[in-house]
Amino acid sequence: MRIKVDKDSDTLYFRLDEESIIESEEIRPGVILDYDRNDRVVGVEFLGVSARATQEELSSLQFQTS
């Protein structure tokens, strides 16, 4: 899994695996899902992320596993 914050495009992207992206769909304003050939989600992109989180929050992402 990869996570990328792009300050220039103001996006946050979660890439779940390396399958080729066949289709993308904006499921809500500013939320885009990327699908592989088996219709599985392989990526999630958030547009306008600076309106959703502060720079401090984006620079120290926390992960929780159970």
N, C-alpha and C. Protein backbone atom coordinates (compact mmCIF):
# COMPACT_ATOMS: atom_id res chain seq x y z
N MET A 1 0.85 -1.17 0.00
CA MET A 1 0.00 0.00 0.00
C MET A 1 0.90 1.23 0.00
N ARG A 2 0.48 2.21 -0.79
CA ARG A 2 1.21 3.48 -0.84
C ARG A 2 0.24 4.62 -0.54
N ILE A 3 0.75 5.64 0.10
CA ILE A 3 -0.03 6.84 0.38
C ILE A 3 0.78 8.02 -0.13
N LYS A 4 0.12 8.89 -0.88
CA LYS A 4 0.82 10.05 -1.44
C LYS A 4 0.00 11.30 -1.18
N VAL A 5 0.65 12.32 -0.64
CA VAL A 5 0.06 13.64 -0.50
C VAL A 5 0.74 14.53 -1.54
N ASP A 6 -0.04 15.10 -2.43
CA ASP A 6 0.50 15.98 -3.47
C ASP A 6 0.03 17.40 -3.18
N LYS A 7 0.96 18.22 -2.68
CA LYS A 7 0.61 19.59 -2.31
C LYS A 7 0.25 20.43 -3.53
N ASP A 8 0.89 20.16 -4.67
CA ASP A 8 0.61 20.94 -5.88
C ASP A 8 -0.82 20.75 -6.38
N SER A 9 -1.28 19.49 -6.38
CA SER A 9 -2.65 19.22 -6.85
C SER A 9 -3.66 19.15 -5.71
N ASP A 10 -3.17 19.31 -4.46
CA ASP A 10 -4.03 19.32 -3.28
C ASP A 10 -4.84 18.01 -3.16
N THR A 11 -4.11 16.88 -3.32
CA THR A 11 -4.77 15.57 -3.27
C THR A 11 -4.08 14.64 -2.28
N LEU A 12 -4.86 13.67 -1.82
CA LEU A 12 -4.36 12.57 -0.99
C LEU A 12 -4.77 11.30 -1.69
N TYR A 13 -3.81 10.40 -1.95
CA TYR A 13 -4.08 9.19 -2.72
C TYR A 13 -3.62 7.95 -1.97
N PHE A 14 -4.51 6.98 -1.85
CA PHE A 14 -4.20 5.67 -1.28
C PHE A 14 -4.19 4.67 -2.41
N ARG A 15 -3.05 4.03 -2.64
CA ARG A 15 -2.95 2.98 -3.66
C ARG A 15 -2.89 1.65 -2.92
N LEU A 16 -3.90 0.81 -3.12
CA LEU A 16 -4.04 -0.43 -2.36
C LEU A 16 -3.19 -1.56 -2.93
N ASP A 17 -3.08 -1.66 -4.25
CA ASP A 17 -2.17 -2.63 -4.87
C ASP A 17 -1.75 -2.12 -6.23
N GLU A 18 -0.93 -2.88 -6.94
CA GLU A 18 -0.33 -2.40 -8.19
C GLU A 18 -1.05 -2.90 -9.44
N GLU A 19 -2.26 -3.40 -9.31
CA GLU A 19 -3.03 -3.79 -10.49
C GLU A 19 -3.26 -2.57 -11.38
N SER A 20 -3.39 -2.80 -12.68
CA SER A 20 -3.66 -1.70 -13.61
C SER A 20 -5.03 -1.10 -13.36
N ILE A 21 -5.09 0.21 -13.45
CA ILE A 21 -6.36 0.90 -13.28
C ILE A 21 -7.09 0.89 -14.62
N ILE A 22 -8.30 0.35 -14.62
CA ILE A 22 -9.10 0.25 -15.83
C ILE A 22 -10.15 1.36 -15.89
N GLU A 23 -10.68 1.73 -14.74
CA GLU A 23 -11.75 2.72 -14.70
C GLU A 23 -11.66 3.51 -13.40
N SER A 24 -12.09 4.76 -13.45
CA SER A 24 -12.17 5.60 -12.27
C SER A 24 -13.57 6.18 -12.19
N GLU A 25 -14.04 6.38 -10.95
CA GLU A 25 -15.39 6.90 -10.75
C GLU A 25 -15.40 7.86 -9.57
N GLU A 26 -15.96 9.03 -9.77
CA GLU A 26 -16.12 9.99 -8.68
C GLU A 26 -17.42 9.64 -7.96
N ILE A 27 -17.29 9.03 -6.77
CA ILE A 27 -18.47 8.53 -6.07
C ILE A 27 -19.15 9.59 -5.22
N ARG A 28 -18.43 10.61 -4.86
CA ARG A 28 -18.93 11.78 -4.13
C ARG A 28 -18.07 12.95 -4.62
N PRO A 29 -18.53 14.16 -4.45
CA PRO A 29 -17.68 15.28 -4.87
C PRO A 29 -16.31 15.22 -4.19
N GLY A 30 -15.26 15.11 -5.00
CA GLY A 30 -13.90 15.09 -4.47
C GLY A 30 -13.39 13.75 -3.99
N VAL A 31 -14.15 12.66 -4.22
CA VAL A 31 -13.71 11.32 -3.82
C VAL A 31 -13.78 10.41 -5.05
N ILE A 32 -12.61 9.92 -5.48
CA ILE A 32 -12.52 9.13 -6.70
C ILE A 32 -12.00 7.73 -6.37
N LEU A 33 -12.69 6.72 -6.87
CA LEU A 33 -12.24 5.34 -6.73
C LEU A 33 -11.65 4.86 -8.04
N ASP A 34 -10.52 4.15 -7.97
CA ASP A 34 -9.90 3.53 -9.14
C ASP A 34 -10.15 2.02 -9.07
N TYR A 35 -10.58 1.43 -10.20
CA TYR A 35 -10.92 0.01 -10.26
C TYR A 35 -9.99 -0.75 -11.18
N ASP A 36 -9.74 -2.03 -10.87
CA ASP A 36 -8.95 -2.90 -11.74
C ASP A 36 -9.90 -3.64 -12.69
N ARG A 37 -9.37 -4.56 -13.49
CA ARG A 37 -10.19 -5.27 -14.48
C ARG A 37 -11.23 -6.19 -13.85
N ASN A 38 -11.06 -6.53 -12.57
CA ASN A 38 -12.03 -7.37 -11.87
C ASN A 38 -13.02 -6.55 -11.05
N ASP A 39 -13.06 -5.24 -11.31
CA ASP A 39 -13.96 -4.31 -10.64
C ASP A 39 -13.67 -4.17 -9.15
N ARG A 40 -12.42 -4.42 -8.76
CA ARG A 40 -12.00 -4.22 -7.37
C ARG A 40 -11.37 -2.84 -7.24
N VAL A 41 -11.59 -2.20 -6.10
CA VAL A 41 -10.99 -0.90 -5.84
C VAL A 41 -9.50 -1.08 -5.57
N VAL A 42 -8.68 -0.36 -6.34
CA VAL A 42 -7.23 -0.43 -6.15
C VAL A 42 -6.64 0.90 -5.71
N GLY A 43 -7.47 1.96 -5.73
CA GLY A 43 -6.99 3.27 -5.31
C GLY A 43 -8.14 4.17 -4.91
N VAL A 44 -7.84 5.08 -3.99
CA VAL A 44 -8.82 6.07 -3.54
C VAL A 44 -8.12 7.42 -3.52
N GLU A 45 -8.72 8.40 -4.18
CA GLU A 45 -8.15 9.74 -4.24
C GLU A 45 -9.12 10.75 -3.64
N PHE A 46 -8.57 11.64 -2.81
CA PHE A 46 -9.35 12.71 -2.22
C PHE A 46 -8.84 14.03 -2.79
N LEU A 47 -9.73 14.78 -3.41
CA LEU A 47 -9.38 16.08 -3.97
C LEU A 47 -9.65 17.17 -2.93
N GLY A 48 -8.94 18.27 -3.03
CA GLY A 48 -9.14 19.38 -2.11
C GLY A 48 -8.87 19.01 -0.67
N VAL A 49 -7.81 18.24 -0.48
CA VAL A 49 -7.52 17.70 0.85
C VAL A 49 -7.17 18.78 1.88
N SER A 50 -6.69 19.93 1.43
CA SER A 50 -6.34 20.99 2.39
C SER A 50 -7.58 21.54 3.08
N ALA A 51 -8.75 21.36 2.49
CA ALA A 51 -9.99 21.79 3.14
C ALA A 51 -10.50 20.74 4.13
N ARG A 52 -9.91 19.55 4.09
CA ARG A 52 -10.35 18.45 4.95
C ARG A 52 -9.41 18.19 6.12
N ALA A 53 -8.13 18.62 5.97
CA ALA A 53 -7.13 18.35 7.01
C ALA A 53 -6.09 19.46 7.01
N THR A 54 -5.48 19.68 8.15
CA THR A 54 -4.42 20.68 8.24
C THR A 54 -3.11 20.10 7.70
N GLN A 55 -2.17 20.98 7.41
CA GLN A 55 -0.84 20.52 6.97
C GLN A 55 -0.19 19.65 8.04
N GLU A 56 -0.40 19.99 9.30
CA GLU A 56 0.16 19.19 10.39
C GLU A 56 -0.42 17.78 10.38
N GLU A 57 -1.72 17.68 10.20
CA GLU A 57 -2.35 16.35 10.17
C GLU A 57 -1.85 15.53 8.98
N LEU A 58 -1.65 16.18 7.84
CA LEU A 58 -1.18 15.48 6.66
C LEU A 58 0.29 15.07 6.76
N SER A 59 1.06 15.79 7.55
CA SER A 59 2.49 15.46 7.68
C SER A 59 2.75 14.38 8.71
N SER A 60 1.74 14.01 9.50
CA SER A 60 1.94 12.95 10.50
C SER A 60 0.75 12.00 10.50
N LEU A 61 0.59 11.30 9.35
CA LEU A 61 -0.48 10.32 9.24
C LEU A 61 -0.27 9.19 10.24
N GLN A 62 -1.32 8.75 10.90
CA GLN A 62 -1.22 7.68 11.87
C GLN A 62 -1.95 6.44 11.34
N PHE A 63 -1.39 5.27 11.63
CA PHE A 63 -1.98 4.02 11.19
C PHE A 63 -2.38 3.20 12.40
N GLN A 64 -3.51 2.57 12.30
CA GLN A 64 -3.97 1.71 13.40
C GLN A 64 -4.29 0.34 12.83
N THR A 65 -3.76 -0.69 13.46
CA THR A 65 -4.07 -2.06 13.06
C THR A 65 -4.60 -2.79 14.29
N SER A 66 -5.36 -3.80 14.03
CA SER A 66 -5.89 -4.57 15.17
C SER A 66 -5.53 -6.02 15.05
